[in-house]
Amino acid sequence: FSAEVVGFFDPPAFDPVLVGRVREAAERLGYSHMDIISGAG
């Protein structure tokens, strides 16, 4: 068995100000929403 890493990125935490704007926009527009972690890259 042999192996090498061929793709990578560390977990990102998105900008809290922008996250807040997205959350507030969903509330203002009346859309049901939830916080979520992106499973895909």
All heavy atoms as atom14 arrays in JSON, in Angstrom:
{
  "sequence": "FSAEVVGFFDPPAFDPVLVGRVREAAERLGYSHMDIISGAG",
  "atom14_mask": [
    [1, 1, 1, 1, 1, 1, 1, 1, 1, 1, 1, 0, 0, 0],
    [1, 1, 1, 1, 1, 1, 0, 0, 0, 0, 0, 0, 0, 0],
    [1, 1, 1, 1, 1, 0, 0, 0, 0, 0, 0, 0, 0, 0],
    [1, 1, 1, 1, 1, 1, 1, 1, 1, 0, 0, 0, 0, 0],
    [1, 1, 1, 1, 1, 1, 1, 0, 0, 0, 0, 0, 0, 0],
    [1, 1, 1, 1, 1, 1, 1, 0, 0, 0, 0, 0, 0, 0],
    [1, 1, 1, 1, 0, 0, 0, 0, 0, 0, 0, 0, 0, 0],
    [1, 1, 1, 1, 1, 1, 1, 1, 1, 1, 1, 0, 0, 0],
    [1, 1, 1, 1, 1, 1, 1, 1, 1, 1, 1, 0, 0, 0],
    [1, 1, 1, 1, 1, 1, 1, 1, 0, 0, 0, 0, 0, 0],
    [1, 1, 1, 1, 1, 1, 1, 0, 0, 0, 0, 0, 0, 0],
    [1, 1, 1, 1, 1, 1, 1, 0, 0, 0, 0, 0, 0, 0],
    [1, 1, 1, 1, 1, 0, 0, 0, 0, 0, 0, 0, 0, 0],
    [1, 1, 1, 1, 1, 1, 1, 1, 1, 1, 1, 0, 0, 0],
    [1, 1, 1, 1, 1, 1, 1, 1, 0, 0, 0, 0, 0, 0],
    [1, 1, 1, 1, 1, 1, 1, 0, 0, 0, 0, 0, 0, 0],
    [1, 1, 1, 1, 1, 1, 1, 0, 0, 0, 0, 0, 0, 0],
    [1, 1, 1, 1, 1, 1, 1, 1, 0, 0, 0, 0, 0, 0],
    [1, 1, 1, 1, 1, 1, 1, 0, 0, 0, 0, 0, 0, 0],
    [1, 1, 1, 1, 0, 0, 0, 0, 0, 0, 0, 0, 0, 0],
    [1, 1, 1, 1, 1, 1, 1, 1, 1, 1, 1, 0, 0, 0],
    [1, 1, 1, 1, 1, 1, 1, 0, 0, 0, 0, 0, 0, 0],
    [1, 1, 1, 1, 1, 1, 1, 1, 1, 1, 1, 0, 0, 0],
    [1, 1, 1, 1, 1, 1, 1, 1, 1, 0, 0, 0, 0, 0],
    [1, 1, 1, 1, 1, 0, 0, 0, 0, 0, 0, 0, 0, 0],
    [1, 1, 1, 1, 1, 0, 0, 0, 0, 0, 0, 0, 0, 0],
    [1, 1, 1, 1, 1, 1, 1, 1, 1, 0, 0, 0, 0, 0],
    [1, 1, 1, 1, 1, 1, 1, 1, 1, 1, 1, 0, 0, 0],
    [1, 1, 1, 1, 1, 1, 1, 1, 0, 0, 0, 0, 0, 0],
    [1, 1, 1, 1, 0, 0, 0, 0, 0, 0, 0, 0, 0, 0],
    [1, 1, 1, 1, 1, 1, 1, 1, 1, 1, 1, 1, 0, 0],
    [1, 1, 1, 1, 1, 1, 0, 0, 0, 0, 0, 0, 0, 0],
    [1, 1, 1, 1, 1, 1, 1, 1, 1, 1, 0, 0, 0, 0],
    [1, 1, 1, 1, 1, 1, 1, 1, 0, 0, 0, 0, 0, 0],
    [1, 1, 1, 1, 1, 1, 1, 1, 0, 0, 0, 0, 0, 0],
    [1, 1, 1, 1, 1, 1, 1, 1, 0, 0, 0, 0, 0, 0],
    [1, 1, 1, 1, 1, 1, 1, 1, 0, 0, 0, 0, 0, 0],
    [1, 1, 1, 1, 1, 1, 0, 0, 0, 0, 0, 0, 0, 0],
    [1, 1, 1, 1, 0, 0, 0, 0, 0, 0, 0, 0, 0, 0],
    [1, 1, 1, 1, 1, 0, 0, 0, 0, 0, 0, 0, 0, 0],
    [1, 1, 1, 1, 0, 0, 0, 0, 0, 0, 0, 0, 0, 0]
  ],
  "atom14_positions": [
    [[0.84, -1.2, 0.0], [0.0, 0.0, 0.0], [0.87, 1.25, 0.0], [1.86, 1.33, 0.74], [-0.89, 0.02, 1.24], [-1.72, 1.28, 1.4], [-2.97, 1.38, 0.83], [-1.23, 2.37, 2.12], [-3.73, 2.53, 0.97], [-1.98, 3.53, 2.27], [-3.24, 3.6, 1.69], [0.0, 0.0, 0.0], [0.0, 0.0, 0.0], [0.0, 0.0, 0.0]],
    [[0.52, 2.23, -0.85], [1.16, 3.54, -0.83], [0.1, 4.6, -1.05], [-0.98, 4.31, -1.6], [2.26, 3.66, -1.89], [1.71, 3.51, -3.19], [0.0, 0.0, 0.0], [0.0, 0.0, 0.0], [0.0, 0.0, 0.0], [0.0, 0.0, 0.0], [0.0, 0.0, 0.0], [0.0, 0.0, 0.0], [0.0, 0.0, 0.0], [0.0, 0.0, 0.0]],
    [[0.37, 5.84, -0.61], [-0.65, 6.88, -0.72], [0.0, 8.26, -0.77], [1.09, 8.47, -0.23], [-1.62, 6.81, 0.45], [0.0, 0.0, 0.0], [0.0, 0.0, 0.0], [0.0, 0.0, 0.0], [0.0, 0.0, 0.0], [0.0, 0.0, 0.0], [0.0, 0.0, 0.0], [0.0, 0.0, 0.0], [0.0, 0.0, 0.0], [0.0, 0.0, 0.0]],
    [[-0.71, 9.2, -1.42], [-0.31, 10.6, -1.39], [-1.56, 11.47, -1.45], [-2.56, 11.1, -2.07], [0.62, 10.95, -2.55], [-0.01, 10.84, -3.93], [0.88, 11.39, -5.03], [1.61, 12.36, -4.76], [0.83, 10.86, -6.16], [0.0, 0.0, 0.0], [0.0, 0.0, 0.0], [0.0, 0.0, 0.0], [0.0, 0.0, 0.0], [0.0, 0.0, 0.0]],
    [[-1.51, 12.62, -0.78], [-2.62, 13.57, -0.8], [-2.59, 14.32, -2.13], [-1.57, 14.93, -2.48], [-2.53, 14.55, 0.38], [-3.62, 15.62, 0.27], [-2.66, 13.8, 1.71], [0.0, 0.0, 0.0], [0.0, 0.0, 0.0], [0.0, 0.0, 0.0], [0.0, 0.0, 0.0], [0.0, 0.0, 0.0], [0.0, 0.0, 0.0], [0.0, 0.0, 0.0]],
    [[-3.7, 14.28, -2.86], [-3.76, 14.93, -4.17], [-4.77, 16.07, -4.22], [-4.85, 16.8, -5.21], [-4.09, 13.91, -5.28], [-2.97, 12.9, -5.44], [-5.42, 13.21, -5.03], [0.0, 0.0, 0.0], [0.0, 0.0, 0.0], [0.0, 0.0, 0.0], [0.0, 0.0, 0.0], [0.0, 0.0, 0.0], [0.0, 0.0, 0.0], [0.0, 0.0, 0.0]],
    [[-5.53, 16.24, -3.16], [-6.48, 17.34, -3.09], [-6.74, 17.68, -1.63], [-6.8, 16.78, -0.79], [0.0, 0.0, 0.0], [0.0, 0.0, 0.0], [0.0, 0.0, 0.0], [0.0, 0.0, 0.0], [0.0, 0.0, 0.0], [0.0, 0.0, 0.0], [0.0, 0.0, 0.0], [0.0, 0.0, 0.0], [0.0, 0.0, 0.0], [0.0, 0.0, 0.0]],
    [[-6.85, 18.96, -1.33], [-7.03, 19.34, 0.08], [-7.56, 20.75, 0.2], [-7.34, 21.59, -0.67], [-5.68, 19.28, 0.81], [-4.74, 20.37, 0.4], [-4.66, 21.55, 1.12], [-3.96, 20.25, -0.75], [-3.81, 22.58, 0.72], [-3.11, 21.28, -1.15], [-3.03, 22.44, -0.41], [0.0, 0.0, 0.0], [0.0, 0.0, 0.0], [0.0, 0.0, 0.0]],
    [[-8.31, 21.02, 1.24], [-8.46, 22.35, 1.79], [-8.97, 22.21, 3.22], [-9.65, 21.25, 3.56], [-9.35, 23.27, 0.95], [-10.77, 22.81, 0.76], [-11.74, 23.08, 1.72], [-11.14, 22.15, -0.4], [-13.05, 22.67, 1.53], [-12.45, 21.75, -0.6], [-13.4, 22.01, 0.37], [0.0, 0.0, 0.0], [0.0, 0.0, 0.0], [0.0, 0.0, 0.0]],
    [[-8.58, 23.16, 4.03], [-8.97, 23.15, 5.44], [-10.38, 23.7, 5.59], [-10.86, 24.47, 4.75], [-7.98, 23.98, 6.27], [-6.6, 23.34, 6.34], [-6.5, 22.13, 6.07], [-5.63, 24.05, 6.65], [0.0, 0.0, 0.0], [0.0, 0.0, 0.0], [0.0, 0.0, 0.0], [0.0, 0.0, 0.0], [0.0, 0.0, 0.0], [0.0, 0.0, 0.0]],
    [[-11.07, 23.33, 6.66], [-12.46, 23.77, 6.84], [-12.57, 25.29, 6.95], [-11.92, 25.89, 7.81], [-12.88, 23.1, 8.17], [-11.9, 22.0, 8.39], [-10.62, 22.44, 7.76], [0.0, 0.0, 0.0], [0.0, 0.0, 0.0], [0.0, 0.0, 0.0], [0.0, 0.0, 0.0], [0.0, 0.0, 0.0], [0.0, 0.0, 0.0], [0.0, 0.0, 0.0]],
    [[-13.37, 25.91, 6.1], [-13.54, 27.37, 6.19], [-14.68, 27.76, 7.12], [-15.71, 27.09, 7.18], [-13.87, 27.77, 4.75], [-14.61, 26.58, 4.21], [-14.02, 25.37, 4.89], [0.0, 0.0, 0.0], [0.0, 0.0, 0.0], [0.0, 0.0, 0.0], [0.0, 0.0, 0.0], [0.0, 0.0, 0.0], [0.0, 0.0, 0.0], [0.0, 0.0, 0.0]],
    [[-14.5, 28.85, 7.86], [-15.57, 29.49, 8.6], [-15.9, 30.78, 7.85], [-15.03, 31.64, 7.68], [-15.13, 29.79, 10.03], [0.0, 0.0, 0.0], [0.0, 0.0, 0.0], [0.0, 0.0, 0.0], [0.0, 0.0, 0.0], [0.0, 0.0, 0.0], [0.0, 0.0, 0.0], [0.0, 0.0, 0.0], [0.0, 0.0, 0.0], [0.0, 0.0, 0.0]],
    [[-17.13, 30.91, 7.4], [-17.48, 32.06, 6.56], [-17.67, 33.33, 7.4], [-17.88, 33.28, 8.62], [-18.71, 31.74, 5.73], [-18.46, 30.7, 4.68], [-19.16, 29.5, 4.65], [-17.48, 30.9, 3.71], [-18.91, 28.54, 3.68], [-17.22, 29.94, 2.74], [-17.94, 28.76, 2.73], [0.0, 0.0, 0.0], [0.0, 0.0, 0.0], [0.0, 0.0, 0.0]],
    [[-17.59, 34.46, 6.71], [-17.58, 35.77, 7.36], [-18.86, 35.99, 8.18], [-19.98, 35.93, 7.64], [-17.46, 36.86, 6.3], [-17.37, 38.24, 6.91], [-16.29, 38.6, 7.41], [-18.4, 38.95, 6.9], [0.0, 0.0, 0.0], [0.0, 0.0, 0.0], [0.0, 0.0, 0.0], [0.0, 0.0, 0.0], [0.0, 0.0, 0.0], [0.0, 0.0, 0.0]],
    [[-18.74, 36.27, 9.49], [-19.94, 36.37, 10.33], [-20.85, 37.53, 9.97], [-22.07, 37.43, 10.14], [-19.36, 36.53, 11.75], [-17.94, 36.95, 11.57], [-17.49, 36.37, 10.26], [0.0, 0.0, 0.0], [0.0, 0.0, 0.0], [0.0, 0.0, 0.0], [0.0, 0.0, 0.0], [0.0, 0.0, 0.0], [0.0, 0.0, 0.0], [0.0, 0.0, 0.0]],
    [[-20.29, 38.63, 9.46], [-21.14, 39.75, 9.05], [-22.0, 39.36, 7.86], [-23.22, 39.6, 7.83], [-20.28, 40.99, 8.72], [-21.15, 42.1, 8.13], [-19.57, 41.49, 9.97], [0.0, 0.0, 0.0], [0.0, 0.0, 0.0], [0.0, 0.0, 0.0], [0.0, 0.0, 0.0], [0.0, 0.0, 0.0], [0.0, 0.0, 0.0], [0.0, 0.0, 0.0]],
    [[-21.37, 38.72, 6.86], [-22.13, 38.28, 5.68], [-23.13, 37.19, 6.04], [-24.25, 37.16, 5.52], [-21.17, 37.8, 4.6], [-20.29, 38.87, 3.95], [-19.32, 38.23, 2.96], [-21.13, 39.93, 3.26], [0.0, 0.0, 0.0], [0.0, 0.0, 0.0], [0.0, 0.0, 0.0], [0.0, 0.0, 0.0], [0.0, 0.0, 0.0], [0.0, 0.0, 0.0]],
    [[-22.72, 36.27, 6.92], [-23.65, 35.23, 7.37], [-24.87, 35.87, 8.01], [-26.02, 35.46, 7.76], [-22.95, 34.27, 8.37], [-23.97, 33.36, 9.06], [-21.9, 33.42, 7.65], [0.0, 0.0, 0.0], [0.0, 0.0, 0.0], [0.0, 0.0, 0.0], [0.0, 0.0, 0.0], [0.0, 0.0, 0.0], [0.0, 0.0, 0.0], [0.0, 0.0, 0.0]],
    [[-24.65, 36.89, 8.82], [-25.77, 37.59, 9.45], [-26.68, 38.25, 8.43], [-27.91, 38.23, 8.58], [0.0, 0.0, 0.0], [0.0, 0.0, 0.0], [0.0, 0.0, 0.0], [0.0, 0.0, 0.0], [0.0, 0.0, 0.0], [0.0, 0.0, 0.0], [0.0, 0.0, 0.0], [0.0, 0.0, 0.0], [0.0, 0.0, 0.0], [0.0, 0.0, 0.0]],
    [[-26.1, 38.83, 7.38], [-26.92, 39.47, 6.34], [-27.79, 38.45, 5.61], [-28.95, 38.73, 5.27], [-26.03, 40.21, 5.35], [-25.44, 41.5, 5.92], [-24.47, 42.15, 4.96], [-23.88, 43.35, 5.57], [-22.78, 43.95, 5.13], [-22.16, 43.48, 4.05], [-22.31, 45.02, 5.76], [0.0, 0.0, 0.0], [0.0, 0.0, 0.0], [0.0, 0.0, 0.0]],
    [[-27.21, 37.28, 5.34], [-27.98, 36.23, 4.66], [-29.14, 35.77, 5.55], [-30.28, 35.63, 5.09], [-27.06, 35.04, 4.31], [-27.88, 33.82, 3.88], [-26.07, 35.44, 3.22], [0.0, 0.0, 0.0], [0.0, 0.0, 0.0], [0.0, 0.0, 0.0], [0.0, 0.0, 0.0], [0.0, 0.0, 0.0], [0.0, 0.0, 0.0], [0.0, 0.0, 0.0]],
    [[-28.85, 35.56, 6.83], [-29.88, 35.11, 7.76], [-31.0, 36.15, 7.89], [-32.19, 35.83, 7.85], [-29.26, 34.82, 9.13], [-30.19, 34.14, 10.12], [-29.52, 33.93, 11.46], [-28.42, 32.98, 11.39], [-27.14, 33.3, 11.6], [-26.79, 34.55, 11.9], [-26.21, 32.37, 11.53], [0.0, 0.0, 0.0], [0.0, 0.0, 0.0], [0.0, 0.0, 0.0]],
    [[-30.61, 37.42, 8.02], [-31.6, 38.49, 8.15], [-32.42, 38.65, 6.87], [-33.63, 38.93, 6.93], [-30.89, 39.8, 8.48], [-30.29, 39.82, 9.9], [-29.21, 40.88, 10.06], [-29.04, 41.7, 9.12], [-28.54, 40.88, 11.1], [0.0, 0.0, 0.0], [0.0, 0.0, 0.0], [0.0, 0.0, 0.0], [0.0, 0.0, 0.0], [0.0, 0.0, 0.0]],
    [[-31.78, 38.45, 5.72], [-32.51, 38.54, 4.45], [-33.57, 37.46, 4.35], [-34.71, 37.72, 3.94], [-31.54, 38.45, 3.28], [0.0, 0.0, 0.0], [0.0, 0.0, 0.0], [0.0, 0.0, 0.0], [0.0, 0.0, 0.0], [0.0, 0.0, 0.0], [0.0, 0.0, 0.0], [0.0, 0.0, 0.0], [0.0, 0.0, 0.0], [0.0, 0.0, 0.0]],
    [[-33.22, 36.24, 4.74], [-34.2, 35.14, 4.71], [-35.38, 35.44, 5.62], [-36.54, 35.2, 5.26], [-33.51, 33.84, 5.1], [0.0, 0.0, 0.0], [0.0, 0.0, 0.0], [0.0, 0.0, 0.0], [0.0, 0.0, 0.0], [0.0, 0.0, 0.0], [0.0, 0.0, 0.0], [0.0, 0.0, 0.0], [0.0, 0.0, 0.0], [0.0, 0.0, 0.0]],
    [[-35.08, 35.98, 6.81], [-36.16, 36.32, 7.74], [-37.04, 37.43, 7.18], [-38.27, 37.37, 7.25], [-35.55, 36.72, 9.08], [-34.88, 35.57, 9.81], [-34.14, 36.01, 11.06], [-34.13, 37.23, 11.35], [-33.57, 35.14, 11.75], [0.0, 0.0, 0.0], [0.0, 0.0, 0.0], [0.0, 0.0, 0.0], [0.0, 0.0, 0.0], [0.0, 0.0, 0.0]],
    [[-36.4, 38.45, 6.63], [-37.14, 39.61, 6.1], [-38.05, 39.19, 4.95], [-39.17, 39.7, 4.8], [-36.14, 40.67, 5.64], [-36.75, 41.96, 5.16], [-35.7, 43.05, 5.05], [-34.55, 42.69, 4.22], [-33.32, 42.48, 4.66], [-33.02, 42.59, 5.94], [-32.34, 42.16, 3.82], [0.0, 0.0, 0.0], [0.0, 0.0, 0.0], [0.0, 0.0, 0.0]],
    [[-37.59, 38.26, 4.14], [-38.35, 37.81, 2.97], [-39.39, 36.75, 3.33], [-40.19, 36.35, 2.49], [-37.38, 37.25, 1.92], [-36.53, 38.3, 1.2], [-35.28, 37.66, 0.6], [-37.34, 38.99, 0.12], [0.0, 0.0, 0.0], [0.0, 0.0, 0.0], [0.0, 0.0, 0.0], [0.0, 0.0, 0.0], [0.0, 0.0, 0.0], [0.0, 0.0, 0.0]],
    [[-39.35, 36.27, 4.57], [-40.34, 35.28, 5.01], [-40.02, 33.85, 4.61], [-40.93, 33.0, 4.59], [0.0, 0.0, 0.0], [0.0, 0.0, 0.0], [0.0, 0.0, 0.0], [0.0, 0.0, 0.0], [0.0, 0.0, 0.0], [0.0, 0.0, 0.0], [0.0, 0.0, 0.0], [0.0, 0.0, 0.0], [0.0, 0.0, 0.0], [0.0, 0.0, 0.0]],
    [[-38.77, 33.57, 4.29], [-38.4, 32.22, 3.9], [-37.95, 31.42, 5.12], [-37.18, 31.91, 5.96], [-37.26, 32.25, 2.87], [-37.67, 32.77, 1.51], [-36.97, 33.81, 0.9], [-38.75, 32.21, 0.84], [-37.34, 34.29, -0.34], [-39.13, 32.69, -0.41], [-38.42, 33.72, -0.99], [-38.8, 34.2, -2.22], [0.0, 0.0, 0.0], [0.0, 0.0, 0.0]],
    [[-38.41, 30.18, 5.21], [-37.93, 29.3, 6.27], [-36.46, 29.0, 6.02], [-36.03, 28.81, 4.89], [-38.75, 28.01, 6.29], [-38.7, 27.35, 5.04], [0.0, 0.0, 0.0], [0.0, 0.0, 0.0], [0.0, 0.0, 0.0], [0.0, 0.0, 0.0], [0.0, 0.0, 0.0], [0.0, 0.0, 0.0], [0.0, 0.0, 0.0], [0.0, 0.0, 0.0]],
    [[-35.68, 28.97, 7.1], [-34.23, 28.85, 6.92], [-33.6, 28.18, 8.13], [-34.19, 28.1, 9.21], [-33.61, 30.23, 6.69], [-33.8, 31.17, 7.85], [-32.9, 31.26, 8.89], [-34.82, 32.02, 8.15], [-33.33, 32.15, 9.77], [-34.5, 32.63, 9.34], [0.0, 0.0, 0.0], [0.0, 0.0, 0.0], [0.0, 0.0, 0.0], [0.0, 0.0, 0.0]],
    [[-32.39, 27.73, 7.95], [-31.61, 27.15, 9.04], [-30.13, 27.32, 8.75], [-29.73, 27.44, 7.6], [-31.94, 25.65, 9.21], [-31.54, 24.79, 8.01], [-31.95, 23.03, 8.21], [-30.74, 22.55, 9.45], [0.0, 0.0, 0.0], [0.0, 0.0, 0.0], [0.0, 0.0, 0.0], [0.0, 0.0, 0.0], [0.0, 0.0, 0.0], [0.0, 0.0, 0.0]],
    [[-29.33, 27.35, 9.8], [-27.88, 27.34, 9.63], [-27.47, 25.95, 9.17], [-28.04, 24.94, 9.59], [-27.18, 27.67, 10.95], [-27.32, 29.14, 11.32], [-27.97, 29.89, 10.57], [-26.77, 29.53, 12.37], [0.0, 0.0, 0.0], [0.0, 0.0, 0.0], [0.0, 0.0, 0.0], [0.0, 0.0, 0.0], [0.0, 0.0, 0.0], [0.0, 0.0, 0.0]],
    [[-26.46, 25.89, 8.3], [-26.04, 24.61, 7.74], [-24.55, 24.64, 7.44], [-23.97, 25.71, 7.22], [-26.86, 24.29, 6.46], [-26.71, 22.83, 6.05], [-26.51, 25.25, 5.32], [-27.7, 22.4, 4.98], [0.0, 0.0, 0.0], [0.0, 0.0, 0.0], [0.0, 0.0, 0.0], [0.0, 0.0, 0.0], [0.0, 0.0, 0.0], [0.0, 0.0, 0.0]],
    [[-23.93, 23.48, 7.48], [-22.53, 23.32, 7.08], [-22.51, 22.71, 5.69], [-23.21, 21.72, 5.43], [-21.78, 22.43, 8.08], [-21.68, 23.13, 9.44], [-20.38, 22.08, 7.57], [-21.23, 22.24, 10.56], [0.0, 0.0, 0.0], [0.0, 0.0, 0.0], [0.0, 0.0, 0.0], [0.0, 0.0, 0.0], [0.0, 0.0, 0.0], [0.0, 0.0, 0.0]],
    [[-21.72, 23.27, 4.8], [-21.63, 22.73, 3.45], [-20.82, 21.44, 3.45], [-19.66, 21.42, 3.86], [-20.98, 23.74, 2.51], [-20.75, 23.14, 1.24], [0.0, 0.0, 0.0], [0.0, 0.0, 0.0], [0.0, 0.0, 0.0], [0.0, 0.0, 0.0], [0.0, 0.0, 0.0], [0.0, 0.0, 0.0], [0.0, 0.0, 0.0], [0.0, 0.0, 0.0]],
    [[-21.45, 20.37, 2.99], [-20.74, 19.1, 2.91], [-19.82, 19.0, 1.71], [-18.82, 18.27, 1.74], [0.0, 0.0, 0.0], [0.0, 0.0, 0.0], [0.0, 0.0, 0.0], [0.0, 0.0, 0.0], [0.0, 0.0, 0.0], [0.0, 0.0, 0.0], [0.0, 0.0, 0.0], [0.0, 0.0, 0.0], [0.0, 0.0, 0.0], [0.0, 0.0, 0.0]],
    [[-20.14, 19.7, 0.65], [-19.34, 19.67, -0.57], [-18.31, 20.79, -0.57], [-18.44, 21.78, 0.15], [-20.25, 19.78, -1.79], [0.0, 0.0, 0.0], [0.0, 0.0, 0.0], [0.0, 0.0, 0.0], [0.0, 0.0, 0.0], [0.0, 0.0, 0.0], [0.0, 0.0, 0.0], [0.0, 0.0, 0.0], [0.0, 0.0, 0.0], [0.0, 0.0, 0.0]],
    [[-17.29, 20.64, -1.4], [-16.33, 21.71, -1.6], [-16.84, 22.69, -2.64], [-17.56, 22.32, -3.57], [0.0, 0.0, 0.0], [0.0, 0.0, 0.0], [0.0, 0.0, 0.0], [0.0, 0.0, 0.0], [0.0, 0.0, 0.0], [0.0, 0.0, 0.0], [0.0, 0.0, 0.0], [0.0, 0.0, 0.0], [0.0, 0.0, 0.0], [0.0, 0.0, 0.0]]
  ]
}
